[in-house]
């Protein structure tokens, strides 16, 4: 089968001696347990974590060589004797620690989710990690309600857009921070209550003016996949009793949240490493993904795909992630997937 293999750590975008290599004769994975299912991958999603893993900067460092990749969708290709939940030909999606950047992947039946009829398979591959992260963060951890103000940093990225949409489903008042006119227009089209273009505006002043105009005291939930100075500035906007969701550090800088201010303001700080829920709270992930698939089937959430590439164009896909060219999700599609940019 065709697969993308990381043979050494480094930047997958580099042209000279890249750390990733496409192989067309990688062994097809075999069913490895009585309840194993083999899936022919239709599409797989690129997340910033995948890029960090190849760089060697992610918290989980698999031994070399490895096939990267996490969330995916596809068609059931083969089932082991004791599989009862799926049959050959079923449409499924899931996520893995590694291995989705390949034509086939094997998973236990308990880790697969049926994709409802009418849902696009490529879009379903973008759902688990980005939307799963935001759903667990906002619904299970922060218990976001319609009376609250949600501030989303990096709101045009994969997790940022998912947080905005889940916030809308919850009925929250949403403030989004992005960079650039195109991103601002997309967020406005989604019905966001206030959008700040951080490349042109002072974030604090803009958000304070909005809150004042709506007679709101401050931000109740901060969703932060960015880190750095933007986090530090955003703390000035938080209400007494606010919740901070630490999602990631796309800026490359880990912020410091002063414990003395958290004490005085009664803030709650949630660290959210979504992947570890599979080990510690698998039931939460299962409930979360089932609800998200239901929302997608009903049209309550929409997957915004910015770029789609073939596996052979993986370096271009990683470039879109690294250089922040994406508005929404970056995907790799099999079965003749061609490079494109969606019109958002």
Protein backbone atom coordinates (compact mmCIF):
# COMPACT_ATOMS: atom_id res chain seq x y z
CA UNK A 1 0.00 0.00 0.00
CA UNK A 2 0.96 3.65 -0.27
CA UNK A 3 2.03 5.26 3.00
CA UNK A 4 3.87 8.29 4.32
CA UNK A 5 6.75 7.28 6.60
CA UNK A 6 8.66 9.57 8.96
CA UNK A 7 12.23 8.24 8.96
CA UNK A 8 13.85 10.98 11.05
CA UNK A 9 12.77 14.05 12.96
CA UNK A 10 12.73 17.38 11.18
CA UNK A 11 10.59 19.83 9.25
CA UNK A 12 8.40 17.94 6.74
CA UNK A 13 8.24 21.07 4.58
CA UNK A 14 11.99 21.22 3.89
CA UNK A 15 12.95 20.43 0.29
CA UNK A 16 16.44 19.02 0.76
CA UNK A 17 16.46 15.61 2.45
CA UNK A 18 12.96 15.82 3.98
CA UNK A 19 12.25 13.63 7.04
CA UNK A 20 9.14 12.13 5.41
CA UNK A 21 9.04 9.72 2.49
CA UNK A 22 6.22 8.27 0.38
CA UNK A 23 6.50 4.52 -0.08
CA UNK A 24 4.23 2.59 -2.44
CA UNK A 25 5.05 -0.92 -1.20
CA UNK A 26 4.48 -0.63 2.53
CA UNK A 27 2.94 -3.85 3.96
CA UNK A 28 -0.85 -3.75 4.33
CA UNK A 29 -1.66 -4.09 8.06
CA UNK A 30 -3.21 -7.40 9.04
CA UNK A 31 -6.11 -8.01 11.41
CA UNK A 32 -4.38 -8.40 14.75
CA UNK A 33 -7.19 -9.48 17.10
CA UNK A 34 -10.57 -11.26 16.98
CA UNK A 35 -12.35 -7.86 17.03
CA UNK A 36 -10.06 -6.00 14.62
CA UNK A 37 -11.35 -4.09 11.60
CA UNK A 38 -9.30 -2.97 8.60
CA UNK A 39 -10.35 0.30 7.02
CA UNK A 40 -9.49 1.54 3.53
CA UNK A 41 -8.77 5.19 4.30
CA UNK A 42 -10.74 7.76 2.31
CA UNK A 43 -9.30 10.85 3.96
CA UNK A 44 -7.15 11.86 6.89
CA UNK A 45 -6.85 15.18 8.65
CA UNK A 46 -3.71 17.19 9.35
CA UNK A 47 -3.53 18.67 12.80
CA UNK A 48 -0.85 20.92 14.21
CA UNK A 49 0.04 18.06 16.56
CA UNK A 50 0.99 15.91 13.53
CA UNK A 51 3.43 18.60 12.41
CA UNK A 52 4.91 18.89 15.90
CA UNK A 53 5.29 15.11 16.14
CA UNK A 54 7.42 14.97 12.97
CA UNK A 55 9.48 17.88 14.30
CA UNK A 56 9.99 15.89 17.52
CA UNK A 57 8.35 18.63 19.60
CA UNK A 58 5.13 16.88 20.58
CA UNK A 59 4.58 15.40 24.07
CA UNK A 60 4.37 11.89 22.61
CA UNK A 61 7.51 10.80 20.74
CA UNK A 62 7.05 7.50 18.88
CA UNK A 63 10.09 5.44 17.90
CA UNK A 64 11.36 5.89 14.35
CA UNK A 65 10.33 5.09 11.70
CA UNK A 66 6.58 5.68 12.02
CA UNK A 67 3.54 6.52 9.92
CA UNK A 68 2.04 9.78 11.22
CA UNK A 69 -1.63 10.62 11.29
CA UNK A 70 -4.56 10.70 13.68
CA UNK A 71 -8.18 11.21 12.61
CA UNK A 72 -9.47 9.51 9.47
CA UNK A 73 -12.50 8.16 7.65
CA UNK A 74 -12.98 5.32 5.20
CA UNK A 75 -14.72 2.12 4.21
CA UNK A 76 -14.49 -1.15 6.13
CA UNK A 77 -12.27 -3.46 4.06
CA UNK A 78 -12.04 -6.57 6.27
CA UNK A 79 -13.31 -7.77 9.66
CA UNK A 80 -12.02 -10.37 12.14
CA UNK A 81 -14.25 -13.32 13.20
CA UNK A 82 -15.67 -11.74 16.38
CA UNK A 83 -16.57 -8.36 14.89
CA UNK A 84 -20.29 -7.70 15.37
CA UNK A 85 -20.59 -3.93 15.04
CA UNK A 86 -19.41 -3.51 11.44
CA UNK A 87 -19.37 -5.30 8.09
CA UNK A 88 -17.35 -4.85 4.90
CA UNK A 89 -18.52 -1.75 3.08
CA UNK A 90 -19.59 0.26 6.15
CA UNK A 91 -18.63 3.96 6.32
CA UNK A 92 -16.64 4.75 9.46
CA UNK A 93 -14.43 7.37 11.08
CA UNK A 94 -12.04 7.27 13.99
CA UNK A 95 -8.70 8.52 15.31
CA UNK A 96 -5.42 6.80 16.08
CA UNK A 97 -2.20 7.62 17.87
CA UNK A 98 -0.36 6.99 14.60
CA UNK A 99 -0.87 5.47 11.19
CA UNK A 100 -3.64 7.25 9.26
CA UNK A 101 -1.35 8.66 6.54
CA UNK A 102 -1.70 5.38 4.65
CA UNK A 103 -4.20 3.61 2.41
CA UNK A 104 -5.18 1.10 5.12
CA UNK A 105 -5.35 1.17 8.90
CA UNK A 106 -6.47 -1.43 11.47
CA UNK A 107 -8.50 -0.57 14.57
CA UNK A 108 -10.56 -2.44 17.14
CA UNK A 109 -14.28 -2.27 16.45
CA UNK A 110 -14.78 -0.41 19.76
CA UNK A 111 -12.72 2.49 18.39
CA UNK A 112 -14.72 3.02 15.20
CA UNK A 113 -17.79 5.20 14.72
CA UNK A 114 -20.38 4.79 11.95
CA UNK A 115 -20.67 7.82 9.67
CA UNK A 116 -24.36 8.67 9.17
CA UNK A 117 -25.79 8.57 5.66
CA UNK A 118 -25.70 11.97 4.02
CA UNK A 119 -22.48 12.98 5.79
CA UNK A 120 -19.47 13.55 3.54
CA UNK A 121 -16.68 11.06 4.29
CA UNK A 122 -13.88 13.58 3.76
CA UNK A 123 -15.57 15.96 6.20
CA UNK A 124 -16.03 13.12 8.70
CA UNK A 125 -12.25 12.61 8.72
CA UNK A 126 -11.84 16.18 9.97
CA UNK A 127 -14.25 15.74 12.86
CA UNK A 128 -12.65 13.64 15.66
CA UNK A 129 -9.61 15.61 16.83
CA UNK A 130 -10.55 19.24 16.16
CA UNK A 131 -14.24 19.07 17.00
CA UNK A 132 -13.64 16.41 19.63
CA UNK A 133 -11.15 18.66 21.41
CA UNK A 134 -13.53 21.62 21.41
CA UNK A 135 -16.56 19.55 22.41
CA UNK A 136 -14.82 17.96 25.40
CA UNK A 137 -13.36 21.33 26.39
CA UNK A 138 -16.51 23.43 26.10
CA UNK A 139 -19.26 20.92 26.89
CA UNK A 140 -17.67 18.43 29.31
CA UNK A 141 -15.14 20.64 31.05
CA UNK A 142 -16.40 24.23 30.93
CA UNK A 143 -20.13 23.37 30.77
CA UNK A 144 -20.64 26.35 28.47
CA UNK A 145 -24.13 27.88 28.67
CA UNK A 146 -26.16 30.36 26.65
CA UNK A 147 -25.67 33.08 29.24
CA UNK A 148 -21.87 33.10 28.92
CA UNK A 149 -19.31 34.98 26.83
CA UNK A 150 -16.83 32.72 25.00
CA UNK A 151 -13.55 34.19 23.72
CA UNK A 152 -11.85 32.02 21.06
CA UNK A 153 -8.24 32.76 20.14
CA UNK A 154 -6.92 31.55 16.78
CA UNK A 155 -10.54 31.22 15.73
CA UNK A 156 -9.90 30.51 12.02
CA UNK A 157 -7.80 27.39 12.59
CA UNK A 158 -9.15 23.86 12.76
CA UNK A 159 -9.83 23.76 16.51
CA UNK A 160 -10.72 27.46 16.61
CA UNK A 161 -13.49 27.13 14.03
CA UNK A 162 -14.81 24.03 15.77
CA UNK A 163 -14.93 25.93 19.08
CA UNK A 164 -16.88 28.74 17.44
CA UNK A 165 -19.44 26.34 15.99
CA UNK A 166 -19.86 24.37 19.21
CA UNK A 167 -20.20 27.66 21.07
CA UNK A 168 -23.01 28.58 18.67
CA UNK A 169 -24.77 25.27 19.32
CA UNK A 170 -24.51 25.98 23.05
CA UNK A 171 -26.00 29.45 22.51
CA UNK A 172 -23.04 31.38 23.92
CA UNK A 173 -22.06 34.94 23.02
CA UNK A 174 -18.93 34.45 20.91
CA UNK A 175 -15.95 36.75 20.49
CA UNK A 176 -13.34 35.54 17.97
CA UNK A 177 -9.74 36.67 17.41
CA UNK A 178 -8.19 36.07 13.96
CA UNK A 179 -5.63 37.64 11.62
CA UNK A 180 -6.58 38.86 8.14
CA UNK A 181 -9.63 40.06 6.20
CA UNK A 182 -10.60 36.68 4.71
CA UNK A 183 -10.67 35.07 8.15
CA UNK A 184 -12.72 37.93 9.58
CA UNK A 185 -15.30 37.54 6.80
CA UNK A 186 -15.62 33.80 7.38
CA UNK A 187 -16.19 34.26 11.11
CA UNK A 188 -18.79 36.93 10.46
CA UNK A 189 -20.58 34.58 8.05
CA UNK A 190 -20.84 32.04 10.87
CA UNK A 191 -22.75 34.53 12.99
CA UNK A 192 -20.00 35.31 15.49
CA UNK A 193 -21.06 38.19 17.73
CA UNK A 194 -17.75 40.06 17.53
CA UNK A 195 -14.63 39.42 15.44
CA UNK A 196 -11.26 41.08 16.11
CA UNK A 197 -8.57 41.27 13.41
CA UNK A 198 -5.44 41.19 15.56
CA UNK A 199 -3.29 42.31 12.60
CA UNK A 200 -5.10 45.67 12.58
CA UNK A 201 -6.81 46.15 15.93
CA UNK A 202 -5.90 46.19 19.58
CA UNK A 203 -7.53 43.01 20.87
CA UNK A 204 -8.14 44.25 24.41
CA UNK A 205 -9.62 47.61 23.37
CA UNK A 206 -11.83 46.05 20.69
CA UNK A 207 -13.24 43.36 22.98
CA UNK A 208 -13.77 45.82 25.85
CA UNK A 209 -15.71 48.15 23.55
CA UNK A 210 -17.92 45.26 22.43
CA UNK A 211 -18.56 44.08 25.99
CA UNK A 212 -19.42 47.62 27.07
CA UNK A 213 -21.82 48.08 24.14
CA UNK A 214 -23.67 44.90 25.17
CA UNK A 215 -23.53 45.72 28.91
CA UNK A 216 -21.49 42.58 29.56
CA UNK A 217 -19.03 42.40 32.46
CA UNK A 218 -16.36 40.28 30.80
CA UNK A 219 -15.37 36.94 29.28
CA UNK A 220 -16.58 33.80 31.05
CA UNK A 221 -14.68 31.14 29.05
CA UNK A 222 -11.33 31.61 27.29
CA UNK A 223 -10.56 29.00 24.61
CA UNK A 224 -6.82 29.21 23.93
CA UNK A 225 -4.99 27.13 21.29
CA UNK A 226 -2.46 29.95 20.71
CA UNK A 227 -0.54 30.80 23.86
CA UNK A 228 2.11 33.51 24.07
CA UNK A 229 1.39 37.23 24.40
CA UNK A 230 -2.21 36.84 23.21
CA UNK A 231 -2.98 34.68 26.25
CA UNK A 232 -1.39 37.18 28.61
CA UNK A 233 -3.39 40.05 27.09
CA UNK A 234 -6.65 38.07 27.12
CA UNK A 235 -6.43 37.53 30.88
CA UNK A 236 -7.31 41.24 31.26
CA UNK A 237 -10.74 40.50 29.79
CA UNK A 238 -11.77 37.67 32.10
CA UNK A 239 -14.65 37.83 34.55
CA UNK A 240 -14.47 36.83 38.19
CA UNK A 241 -14.97 33.03 38.19
CA UNK A 242 -13.91 32.68 34.53
CA UNK A 243 -12.62 29.43 33.05
CA UNK A 244 -9.45 29.14 30.98
CA UNK A 245 -9.16 26.25 28.53
CA UNK A 246 -5.51 25.56 27.70
CA UNK A 247 -5.69 23.83 24.30
CA UNK A 248 -2.24 24.34 22.77
CA UNK A 249 0.58 26.70 21.90
CA UNK A 250 0.45 27.46 18.16
CA UNK A 251 2.44 30.65 18.80
CA UNK A 252 5.35 28.51 19.99
CA UNK A 253 5.37 30.26 23.37
CA UNK A 254 3.97 28.71 26.55
CA UNK A 255 2.28 31.47 28.56
CA UNK A 256 2.49 32.02 32.31
CA UNK A 257 -0.85 32.43 34.09
CA UNK A 258 -0.18 34.18 37.42
CA UNK A 259 -1.45 31.96 40.22
CA UNK A 260 -2.05 34.94 42.53
CA UNK A 261 -4.46 36.52 40.05
CA UNK A 262 -6.17 33.17 39.45
CA UNK A 263 -6.65 33.00 43.23
CA UNK A 264 -8.09 36.50 43.63
CA UNK A 265 -10.32 36.19 40.55
CA UNK A 266 -11.41 32.62 41.34
CA UNK A 267 -10.41 31.43 37.88
CA UNK A 268 -10.49 27.76 36.91
CA UNK A 269 -7.69 26.61 34.58
CA UNK A 270 -8.37 23.47 32.55
CA UNK A 271 -5.51 21.68 30.82
CA UNK A 272 -7.04 19.83 27.86
CA UNK A 273 -5.00 17.03 26.30
CA UNK A 274 -7.77 15.38 24.31
CA UNK A 275 -5.86 12.26 23.28
CA UNK A 276 -5.32 11.13 26.88
CA UNK A 277 -9.08 10.76 27.34
CA UNK A 278 -8.85 7.49 25.41
CA UNK A 279 -6.79 6.09 28.31
CA UNK A 280 -8.40 7.80 31.30
CA UNK A 281 -12.02 8.58 30.26
CA UNK A 282 -12.85 6.66 27.05
CA UNK A 283 -16.57 6.94 27.70
CA UNK A 284 -16.37 10.72 27.47
CA UNK A 285 -14.79 10.48 24.01
CA UNK A 286 -17.38 7.99 22.83
CA UNK A 287 -20.30 10.15 23.97
CA UNK A 288 -18.66 13.27 22.54
CA UNK A 289 -18.02 11.85 19.07
CA UNK A 290 -21.48 10.32 18.82
CA UNK A 291 -23.05 13.67 19.64
CA UNK A 292 -20.81 15.46 17.13
CA UNK A 293 -21.71 13.01 14.36
CA UNK A 294 -25.37 13.57 15.19
CA UNK A 295 -24.88 17.34 15.00
CA UNK A 296 -23.11 16.97 11.64
CA UNK A 297 -25.92 14.81 10.26
CA UNK A 298 -28.46 17.45 11.33
CA UNK A 299 -26.43 20.30 9.85
CA UNK A 300 -25.82 21.94 13.24
CA UNK A 301 -22.06 21.97 12.58
CA UNK A 302 -20.21 22.28 9.28
CA UNK A 303 -16.65 21.16 8.52
CA UNK A 304 -14.79 23.96 6.76
CA UNK A 305 -12.07 22.37 4.61
CA UNK A 306 -9.45 24.85 3.51
CA UNK A 307 -7.08 22.64 1.49
CA UNK A 308 -7.21 19.04 0.25
CA UNK A 309 -4.09 17.25 -1.05
CA UNK A 310 -3.03 13.82 -2.21
CA UNK A 311 -0.55 11.87 -0.10
CA UNK A 312 2.21 12.69 -2.58
CA UNK A 313 1.60 16.38 -1.80
CA UNK A 314 2.03 15.95 1.95
CA UNK A 315 4.81 18.54 2.17
CA UNK A 316 2.44 21.15 0.70
CA UNK A 317 -0.19 20.13 3.24
CA UNK A 318 2.27 20.59 6.12
CA UNK A 319 3.31 23.93 4.64
CA UNK A 320 -0.31 25.12 4.81
CA UNK A 321 -0.34 24.17 8.50
CA UNK A 322 3.08 25.61 9.34
CA UNK A 323 2.60 28.90 7.50
CA UNK A 324 -0.97 29.39 8.76
CA UNK A 325 -2.40 29.48 5.25
CA UNK A 326 -5.38 27.37 6.25
CA UNK A 327 -8.81 28.67 7.17
CA UNK A 328 -10.32 25.57 8.69
CA UNK A 329 -9.01 22.06 8.10
CA UNK A 330 -6.23 20.71 5.88
CA UNK A 331 -6.91 17.22 4.52
CA UNK A 332 -5.18 14.41 2.66
CA UNK A 333 -7.59 12.45 0.46
CA UNK A 334 -7.00 9.09 -1.20
CA UNK A 335 -8.63 7.68 -4.34
CA UNK A 336 -7.28 10.36 -6.61
CA UNK A 337 -7.47 13.30 -4.18
CA UNK A 338 -6.19 16.41 -5.93
CA UNK A 339 -4.70 19.59 -4.55
CA UNK A 340 -7.26 22.33 -4.14
CA UNK A 341 -8.34 25.23 -2.01
CA UNK A 342 -11.99 25.55 -1.10
CA UNK A 343 -13.80 28.82 -1.68
CA UNK A 344 -14.80 30.01 1.76
